[in-house]
Amino acid sequence: MRKITADWIFTLATEPLKNGVVILDNQGTILDLLPNAQGLEEVEKLNGVLCPGFINAHCHLELSHLRDRLPQKTGLVTFIKNVQQFRNAADEEVLSAIEKAETEMIANGIVAVGDISNSSISFSQKQKSNLRYHTFVEVFGFNPESAEAIIERANNLLRAAPQTASVTPHAPYSVSEKLFKLISNSELSIRNPQLLSIHNQETIEETKFFEDKSGEFLDLYKTFGLDISFFQSSGKTSLQTYLPWLGQAKTLLVHNTFSSQQDIDFAKARGENYFCLCPNANLFIEDALPDMQLLMKNQLPLVIGTDSLSSNTSLSILDELKTLQHHFLEINLISMLNWACKNGARFFGWDDLGTIEKGKRPGLNLIQNLENLSRADEVKLTAASSVKPIKLCKNYF
């Protein structure tokens, strides 16, 4: 048993506890939460904020070998071309990079991951259960004639996936309407209700393509030798075009860099949609960020992802939060932790994660080097802020 106190405990389930105490067993299960350490012995006193383990809602482990290999700020279309050019590598190199990437996430306080997979290369690492995973078996196929064959291949990959998994579309510009509807109408999920994830409005070029069939995506299809003469623009944004094809599945909209109020209104009226922020990847690729004032004004369910090491320099949720606070000074730490912990766990249905509550086993992080510790709602990150997971046992999941 361990008894730990800190300047603040942000449980994300109750009001923050100033100098509170969390009591855990040796497996990390929360036994009790106390308002202070009065009458207790052998209490560990830590400086900083205790919070639940982080949920990385969007990652691509299988691209980890591309770290430091792609140029930054090229725009999405050029980035996609570069990924396709450089992603092929020997299995040994890819597997080694995957293992190192997982180790990095654990060291950075991440306890669970929503991971994109186009192949089975990451499955052997996920089977070790060092982290909780939901695998999104991601499909591509813009030509409707190939939709059935793509779904069949995805189903075979899904059956091999460890932990929980579901089949999901890559992006509106890479999945046909027919394939969208096959995904929506299928039962392609295992050991979990159907969850969907889609790269959404990551570039303004996506809007141009769907509104009037113009922009840089035309060059992308030409580069890949794809005949898209069958495609007719909808005259609407991509989100307003594809979202009706997905039915009522719980969907993670990833990036949202160029989403408008009209898009948000459309999404709020259709299904259960969460909005995933990957700010460091947005800066890496497009050198742009989502309109945070707009997203927050609409009180959207926000979550945080790192994206992949092909489009990021680290797999650290804290680094993502630092970037958000650097660019949007009005955001406080407790708001961001709700996105990084509680909302992510809620999206994936991981009821034992995301908040510090009696009976849960959420992981425990200590965030240090903070500003304004006198008031919980004014605590801010600094450039020197760091996270340290409280180590309790090996193979936490």
Protein backbone atom coordinates (compact mmCIF):
# COMPACT_ATOMS: atom_id res chain seq x y z
CA MET A 1 0.00 0.00 0.00
CA ARG A 2 1.11 3.56 -0.74
CA LYS A 3 -0.19 6.88 0.60
CA ILE A 4 0.68 9.81 -1.63
CA THR A 5 0.00 13.50 -1.25
CA ALA A 6 0.83 16.47 -3.49
CA ASP A 7 0.07 20.17 -3.82
CA TRP A 8 -3.06 19.20 -5.70
CA ILE A 9 -4.84 16.00 -6.70
CA PHE A 10 -6.89 16.57 -9.84
CA THR A 11 -9.21 13.57 -9.63
CA LEU A 12 -11.35 14.82 -12.56
CA ALA A 13 -14.31 13.24 -10.74
CA THR A 14 -14.54 15.61 -7.76
CA GLU A 15 -13.34 19.06 -6.89
CA PRO A 16 -9.52 19.25 -6.84
CA LEU A 17 -8.00 18.23 -3.49
CA LYS A 18 -5.41 20.66 -2.16
CA ASN A 19 -2.85 18.63 -0.20
CA GLY A 20 -5.17 15.64 -0.45
CA VAL A 21 -4.06 12.03 -0.14
CA VAL A 22 -4.59 9.13 -2.51
CA ILE A 23 -4.20 5.62 -1.07
CA LEU A 24 -3.38 2.81 -3.50
CA ASP A 25 -2.67 -0.88 -3.24
CA ASN A 26 0.43 -2.41 -4.83
CA GLN A 27 -1.43 -3.05 -8.08
CA GLY A 28 -2.45 0.59 -8.47
CA THR A 29 -6.10 0.29 -7.44
CA ILE A 30 -7.40 3.38 -5.65
CA LEU A 31 -8.39 2.38 -2.11
CA ASP A 32 -9.33 5.80 -0.80
CA LEU A 33 -9.11 9.56 -1.31
CA LEU A 34 -8.72 11.82 1.73
CA PRO A 35 -8.87 15.62 2.03
CA ASN A 36 -5.61 15.76 4.01
CA ALA A 37 -2.92 13.62 5.65
CA GLN A 38 -4.01 14.27 9.23
CA GLY A 39 -3.45 11.19 11.40
CA LEU A 40 -1.68 9.22 8.66
CA GLU A 41 1.80 7.78 8.80
CA GLU A 42 4.31 7.03 6.02
CA VAL A 43 2.76 9.48 3.59
CA GLU A 44 4.84 10.30 0.49
CA LYS A 45 4.90 14.07 -0.08
CA LEU A 46 5.33 15.11 -3.70
CA ASN A 47 5.55 18.54 -5.28
CA GLY A 48 3.17 19.23 -8.13
CA VAL A 49 -0.17 17.94 -9.39
CA LEU A 50 -1.31 14.31 -9.32
CA CYS A 51 -3.66 13.31 -12.13
CA PRO A 52 -4.86 10.12 -13.85
CA GLY A 53 -2.79 8.39 -16.51
CA PHE A 54 -3.04 9.93 -19.99
CA ILE A 55 -5.12 8.52 -22.86
CA ASN A 56 -3.45 8.89 -26.26
CA ALA A 57 -6.55 8.89 -28.43
CA HIS A 58 -4.78 8.92 -31.80
CA CYS A 59 -1.47 7.27 -32.68
CA HIS A 60 0.14 5.32 -35.55
CA LEU A 61 2.63 2.96 -33.90
CA GLU A 62 3.45 1.30 -37.20
CA LEU A 63 4.93 4.56 -38.54
CA SER A 64 7.37 4.98 -35.65
CA HIS A 65 10.36 4.10 -37.83
CA LEU A 66 9.77 7.34 -39.79
CA ARG A 67 10.91 9.50 -36.88
CA ASP A 68 13.05 12.44 -38.10
CA ARG A 69 12.80 11.30 -41.71
CA LEU A 70 10.15 13.60 -43.20
CA PRO A 71 10.36 17.36 -43.76
CA GLN A 72 8.06 19.60 -41.76
CA LYS A 73 5.44 22.18 -42.84
CA THR A 74 5.00 20.76 -46.35
CA GLY A 75 1.22 20.64 -46.27
CA LEU A 76 -0.79 17.44 -46.01
CA VAL A 77 -0.72 16.38 -49.66
CA THR A 78 3.09 16.47 -49.86
CA PHE A 79 3.29 14.80 -46.46
CA ILE A 80 1.13 11.89 -47.70
CA LYS A 81 3.41 11.48 -50.72
CA ASN A 82 6.45 11.41 -48.45
CA VAL A 83 4.93 8.80 -46.13
CA GLN A 84 4.16 6.54 -49.06
CA GLN A 85 7.68 6.99 -50.40
CA PHE A 86 9.52 6.24 -47.17
CA ARG A 87 7.25 3.96 -45.10
CA ASN A 88 8.47 0.63 -46.49
CA ALA A 89 11.18 -0.87 -44.30
CA ALA A 90 12.40 -4.22 -43.01
CA ASP A 91 10.15 -5.77 -40.36
CA GLU A 92 13.01 -5.77 -37.85
CA GLU A 93 13.41 -2.00 -38.16
CA VAL A 94 9.67 -1.37 -37.84
CA LEU A 95 9.25 -3.70 -34.86
CA SER A 96 12.20 -2.18 -33.03
CA ALA A 97 10.80 1.32 -33.57
CA ILE A 98 7.35 0.21 -32.34
CA GLU A 99 8.82 -1.20 -29.14
CA LYS A 100 10.81 1.98 -28.49
CA ALA A 101 7.74 4.13 -29.19
CA GLU A 102 5.67 2.18 -26.67
CA THR A 103 8.42 2.53 -24.06
CA GLU A 104 8.44 6.28 -24.70
CA MET A 105 4.69 6.52 -24.20
CA ILE A 106 4.88 4.64 -20.89
CA ALA A 107 7.65 6.95 -19.68
CA ASN A 108 5.47 9.92 -20.63
CA GLY A 109 2.56 8.80 -18.47
CA ILE A 110 0.35 7.29 -21.18
CA VAL A 111 -1.68 4.30 -20.01
CA ALA A 112 -3.94 3.63 -23.01
CA VAL A 113 -3.87 4.25 -26.76
CA GLY A 114 -6.21 4.44 -29.72
CA ASP A 115 -3.87 3.16 -32.42
CA ILE A 116 -4.28 3.14 -36.20
CA SER A 117 -3.21 -0.03 -37.99
CA ASN A 118 -3.01 -0.69 -41.72
CA SER A 119 -1.29 -4.03 -41.11
CA SER A 120 -0.62 -6.51 -38.32
CA ILE A 121 2.95 -5.34 -37.70
CA SER A 122 2.12 -3.75 -34.31
CA PHE A 123 0.04 -6.67 -33.00
CA SER A 124 2.87 -8.62 -31.38
CA GLN A 125 3.78 -5.60 -29.23
CA LYS A 126 0.15 -4.97 -28.28
CA GLN A 127 -0.24 -8.60 -27.20
CA LYS A 128 2.24 -7.94 -24.37
CA SER A 129 -0.39 -5.66 -22.75
CA ASN A 130 2.13 -3.15 -21.47
CA LEU A 131 -0.53 -0.59 -22.40
CA ARG A 132 -4.26 -0.72 -23.04
CA TYR A 133 -4.99 -0.53 -26.77
CA HIS A 134 -7.94 -0.12 -29.04
CA THR A 135 -6.81 -0.82 -32.61
CA PHE A 136 -8.51 1.00 -35.45
CA VAL A 137 -8.07 -1.26 -38.48
CA GLU A 138 -7.93 1.52 -41.03
CA VAL A 139 -9.11 1.10 -44.61
CA PHE A 140 -8.34 3.01 -47.80
CA GLY A 141 -10.19 2.76 -51.11
CA PHE A 142 -11.51 5.70 -53.10
CA ASN A 143 -12.69 3.58 -56.04
CA PRO A 144 -16.11 2.13 -55.14
CA GLU A 145 -15.47 -0.96 -57.28
CA SER A 146 -12.91 -2.22 -54.74
CA ALA A 147 -15.05 -1.68 -51.63
CA GLU A 148 -16.12 -5.30 -50.98
CA ALA A 149 -12.61 -6.70 -51.37
CA ILE A 150 -11.23 -4.04 -49.00
CA ILE A 151 -13.80 -4.86 -46.33
CA GLU A 152 -13.00 -8.56 -46.59
CA ARG A 153 -9.28 -7.93 -46.07
CA ALA A 154 -10.03 -5.61 -43.15
CA ASN A 155 -12.21 -8.25 -41.53
CA ASN A 156 -9.39 -10.79 -41.70
CA LEU A 157 -6.98 -8.30 -40.09
CA LEU A 158 -9.54 -7.43 -37.44
CA ARG A 159 -9.83 -11.04 -36.28
CA ALA A 160 -6.09 -11.11 -35.59
CA ALA A 161 -6.03 -7.87 -33.59
CA PRO A 162 -5.28 -8.15 -29.85
CA GLN A 163 -7.32 -6.47 -27.12
CA THR A 164 -10.21 -4.49 -28.70
CA ALA A 165 -10.46 -3.37 -32.31
CA SER A 166 -12.79 -2.03 -34.99
CA VAL A 167 -12.66 -1.28 -38.71
CA THR A 168 -12.56 2.42 -39.51
CA PRO A 169 -12.19 4.75 -42.54
CA HIS A 170 -8.93 6.62 -43.09
CA ALA A 171 -10.24 9.95 -44.40
CA PRO A 172 -13.00 11.35 -46.63
CA TYR A 173 -10.60 11.84 -49.56
CA SER A 174 -9.41 8.20 -49.44
CA VAL A 175 -12.64 6.25 -48.84
CA SER A 176 -15.54 5.94 -51.27
CA GLU A 177 -19.16 6.48 -50.28
CA LYS A 178 -19.76 2.78 -50.86
CA LEU A 179 -16.92 1.79 -48.55
CA PHE A 180 -18.13 4.26 -45.89
CA LYS A 181 -21.54 2.63 -45.95
CA LEU A 182 -20.12 -0.90 -45.80
CA ILE A 183 -18.17 0.08 -42.70
CA SER A 184 -21.21 1.72 -41.15
CA ASN A 185 -23.50 -1.23 -41.85
CA SER A 186 -21.06 -3.93 -40.82
CA GLU A 187 -20.51 -5.67 -37.52
CA LEU A 188 -16.77 -5.37 -37.90
CA SER A 189 -15.75 -4.90 -34.29
CA ILE A 190 -14.44 -7.26 -31.64
CA ARG A 191 -14.73 -7.25 -27.87
CA ASN A 192 -16.03 -3.66 -27.92
CA PRO A 193 -18.94 -1.65 -29.31
CA GLN A 194 -18.24 -0.27 -32.76
CA LEU A 195 -15.95 2.76 -32.53
CA LEU A 196 -14.93 4.77 -35.56
CA SER A 197 -12.06 7.19 -36.16
CA ILE A 198 -11.46 9.40 -39.17
CA HIS A 199 -8.91 12.04 -40.13
CA ASN A 200 -11.14 15.09 -40.47
CA GLN A 201 -10.53 18.48 -42.11
CA GLU A 202 -6.79 18.39 -41.57
CA THR A 203 -6.19 20.68 -44.56
CA ILE A 204 -8.16 23.32 -46.45
CA GLU A 205 -7.43 21.29 -49.59
CA GLU A 206 -9.94 18.70 -48.34
CA THR A 207 -12.67 21.36 -48.35
CA LYS A 208 -11.75 22.50 -51.86
CA PHE A 209 -11.93 18.95 -53.18
CA PHE A 210 -15.39 18.25 -51.81
CA GLU A 211 -16.89 21.64 -52.55
CA ASP A 212 -15.85 21.95 -56.19
CA LYS A 213 -13.35 19.16 -57.04
CA SER A 214 -10.34 21.48 -57.06
CA GLY A 215 -7.08 21.87 -55.17
CA GLU A 216 -3.99 19.80 -54.45
CA PHE A 217 -5.75 16.45 -54.01
CA LEU A 218 -6.20 16.28 -57.77
CA ASP A 219 -2.41 16.16 -58.09
CA LEU A 220 -2.24 13.49 -55.35
CA TYR A 221 -4.56 11.14 -57.24
CA LYS A 222 -2.60 11.79 -60.44
CA THR A 223 0.66 10.95 -58.66
CA PHE A 224 -0.82 7.65 -57.45
CA GLY A 225 -2.25 6.88 -60.91
CA LEU A 226 -5.87 6.96 -59.73
CA ASP A 227 -8.69 7.74 -62.14
CA ILE A 228 -11.28 9.74 -60.18
CA SER A 229 -13.49 10.69 -63.11
CA PHE A 230 -16.35 8.96 -61.26
CA PHE A 231 -16.16 11.42 -58.35
CA GLN A 232 -18.67 14.26 -58.24
CA SER A 233 -18.15 17.07 -55.75
CA SER A 234 -20.96 17.51 -53.25
CA GLY A 235 -20.83 21.28 -53.02
CA LYS A 236 -20.47 20.87 -49.25
CA THR A 237 -17.57 20.45 -46.87
CA SER A 238 -16.13 16.97 -46.45
CA LEU A 239 -17.63 16.51 -42.96
CA GLN A 240 -21.09 17.53 -44.13
CA THR A 241 -20.72 15.08 -47.02
CA TYR A 242 -19.49 11.90 -45.31
CA LEU A 243 -20.91 12.06 -41.78
CA PRO A 244 -24.41 10.85 -42.85
CA TRP A 245 -22.74 7.78 -44.36
CA LEU A 246 -21.42 6.71 -40.94
CA GLY A 247 -24.77 6.22 -39.24
CA GLN A 248 -24.89 6.59 -35.46
CA ALA A 249 -21.58 4.98 -34.48
CA LYS A 250 -19.48 6.74 -31.85
CA THR A 251 -16.89 8.55 -33.97
CA LEU A 252 -13.57 10.20 -33.24
CA LEU A 253 -13.01 13.18 -35.56
CA VAL A 254 -9.25 13.64 -35.66
CA HIS A 255 -7.49 17.00 -36.29
CA ASN A 256 -10.41 19.37 -37.14
CA THR A 257 -7.91 22.04 -38.10
CA PHE A 258 -10.24 23.65 -40.63
CA SER A 259 -13.65 22.87 -39.10
CA SER A 260 -16.18 25.71 -39.11
CA GLN A 261 -19.15 26.53 -36.89
CA GLN A 262 -21.40 25.07 -39.58
CA ASP A 263 -19.43 21.83 -39.52
CA ILE A 264 -19.61 21.67 -35.73
CA ASP A 265 -23.38 22.26 -35.76
CA PHE A 266 -23.72 19.49 -38.34
CA ALA A 267 -21.64 17.06 -36.25
CA LYS A 268 -23.45 17.88 -33.01
CA ALA A 269 -26.77 17.04 -34.64
CA ARG A 270 -25.62 13.62 -35.87
CA GLY A 271 -24.45 10.81 -33.65
CA GLU A 272 -21.95 10.81 -30.79
CA ASN A 273 -18.88 12.60 -32.12
CA TYR A 274 -15.71 13.36 -30.18
CA PHE A 275 -13.09 15.83 -31.43
CA CYS A 276 -9.44 14.80 -31.19
CA LEU A 277 -6.69 17.41 -31.03
CA CYS A 278 -3.16 16.63 -32.27
CA PRO A 279 -1.62 20.11 -32.18
CA ASN A 280 2.03 19.18 -32.65
CA ALA A 281 1.21 17.13 -35.74
CA ASN A 282 -0.90 20.00 -37.09
CA LEU A 283 2.07 22.34 -36.77
CA PHE A 284 4.45 19.70 -38.18
CA ILE A 285 2.35 19.14 -41.33
CA GLU A 286 0.20 22.20 -42.05
CA ASP A 287 1.73 24.77 -39.69
CA ALA A 288 -1.79 25.51 -38.47
CA LEU A 289 -3.90 24.80 -35.39
CA PRO A 290 -7.63 24.27 -34.83
CA ASP A 291 -9.71 27.22 -33.73
CA MET A 292 -9.65 26.41 -30.02
CA GLN A 293 -11.93 29.29 -29.06
CA LEU A 294 -14.52 27.88 -31.45
CA LEU A 295 -14.18 24.31 -30.19
CA MET A 296 -14.33 25.36 -26.55
CA LYS A 297 -17.24 27.76 -27.08
CA ASN A 298 -19.25 24.82 -28.39
CA GLN A 299 -18.40 22.73 -25.31
CA LEU A 300 -17.35 19.81 -27.49
CA PRO A 301 -16.05 16.53 -26.05
CA LEU A 302 -12.35 17.02 -26.77
CA VAL A 303 -9.61 14.39 -26.49
CA ILE A 304 -5.86 14.48 -27.15
CA GLY A 305 -3.64 12.45 -29.47
CA THR A 306 0.01 12.50 -30.45
CA ASP A 307 -0.41 11.24 -34.03
CA SER A 308 2.67 9.36 -35.26
CA LEU A 309 6.42 9.87 -35.11
CA SER A 310 6.28 10.53 -38.85
CA SER A 311 4.52 13.81 -37.99
CA ASN A 312 5.73 14.52 -34.46
CA THR A 313 8.97 14.70 -32.53
CA SER A 314 7.66 12.90 -29.45
CA LEU A 315 4.85 10.69 -28.18
CA SER A 316 3.95 12.85 -25.20
CA ILE A 317 0.50 14.03 -24.23
CA LEU A 318 2.12 16.62 -21.97
CA ASP A 319 3.97 18.06 -24.96
CA GLU A 320 0.62 18.39 -26.76
CA LEU A 321 -0.85 20.23 -23.77
CA LYS A 322 2.17 22.54 -23.61
CA THR A 323 1.64 23.48 -27.25
CA LEU A 324 -2.03 24.21 -26.70
CA GLN A 325 -1.30 26.40 -23.70
CA HIS A 326 1.54 28.22 -25.49
CA HIS A 327 -0.81 29.24 -28.31
CA PHE A 328 -3.99 29.64 -26.26
CA LEU A 329 -3.09 31.22 -22.93
CA GLU A 330 -6.65 31.20 -21.64
CA ILE A 331 -6.72 27.40 -21.34
CA ASN A 332 -5.93 26.13 -17.85
CA LEU A 333 -4.42 22.81 -16.88
CA ILE A 334 -7.50 21.24 -15.35
CA SER A 335 -9.49 21.75 -18.56
CA MET A 336 -6.78 20.10 -20.64
CA LEU A 337 -6.47 17.17 -18.23
CA ASN A 338 -10.16 16.47 -18.67
CA TRP A 339 -9.48 16.17 -22.39
CA ALA A 340 -6.29 14.13 -21.94
CA CYS A 341 -7.68 11.68 -19.37
CA LYS A 342 -11.39 11.66 -18.62
CA ASN A 343 -12.81 12.29 -22.09
CA GLY A 344 -10.45 9.82 -23.78
CA ALA A 345 -11.43 7.06 -21.37
CA ARG A 346 -15.10 7.89 -21.89
CA PHE A 347 -14.83 7.68 -25.68
CA PHE A 348 -13.20 4.24 -25.61
CA GLY A 349 -15.45 2.91 -22.85
CA TRP A 350 -12.51 2.38 -20.48
CA ASP A 351 -14.51 2.92 -17.32
CA ASP A 352 -11.60 2.01 -15.02
CA LEU A 353 -9.39 4.77 -16.47
CA GLY A 354 -9.56 8.53 -16.79
CA THR A 355 -10.44 9.62 -13.24
CA ILE A 356 -9.03 9.03 -9.77
CA GLU A 357 -11.85 7.30 -7.91
CA LYS A 358 -12.10 4.54 -5.33
CA GLY A 359 -11.99 1.12 -6.99
CA LYS A 360 -10.44 2.35 -10.24
CA ARG A 361 -6.96 1.61 -11.56
CA PRO A 362 -6.32 4.63 -13.78
CA GLY A 363 -2.57 5.03 -13.49
CA LEU A 364 -1.18 8.04 -11.67
CA ASN A 365 0.93 10.87 -13.06
CA LEU A 366 2.83 13.60 -11.25
CA ILE A 367 3.13 16.87 -13.19
CA GLN A 368 5.83 19.19 -11.88
CA ASN A 369 7.29 22.65 -12.54
CA LEU A 370 3.97 24.44 -12.73
CA GLU A 371 2.81 28.03 -12.26
CA ASN A 372 0.02 29.46 -10.09
CA LEU A 373 -0.32 26.53 -7.72
CA SER A 374 -2.29 28.58 -5.21
CA ARG A 375 -5.59 28.11 -7.07
CA ALA A 376 -6.64 24.94 -8.92
CA ASP A 377 -8.34 26.80 -11.77
CA GLU A 378 -5.27 28.95 -12.37
CA VAL A 379 -2.60 26.24 -12.52
CA LYS A 380 -0.63 26.53 -15.75
CA LEU A 381 2.08 24.56 -17.50
CA THR A 382 5.48 26.05 -18.19
CA ALA A 383 8.16 25.19 -20.74
CA ALA A 384 9.91 23.27 -17.97
CA SER A 385 6.86 21.26 -16.90
CA SER A 386 7.44 17.51 -16.79
CA VAL A 387 5.44 14.37 -16.12
CA LYS A 388 6.49 11.39 -14.06
CA PRO A 389 4.29 8.29 -13.91
CA ILE A 390 4.00 6.82 -10.42
CA LYS A 391 5.43 3.32 -10.86
CA LEU A 392 3.34 0.68 -9.13
CA CYS A 393 3.81 -2.61 -10.94
CA LYS A 394 5.04 -4.07 -14.22
CA ASN A 395 2.68 -4.83 -17.11
CA TYR A 396 0.06 -2.48 -15.79
CA PHE A 397 -2.54 -3.86 -18.17
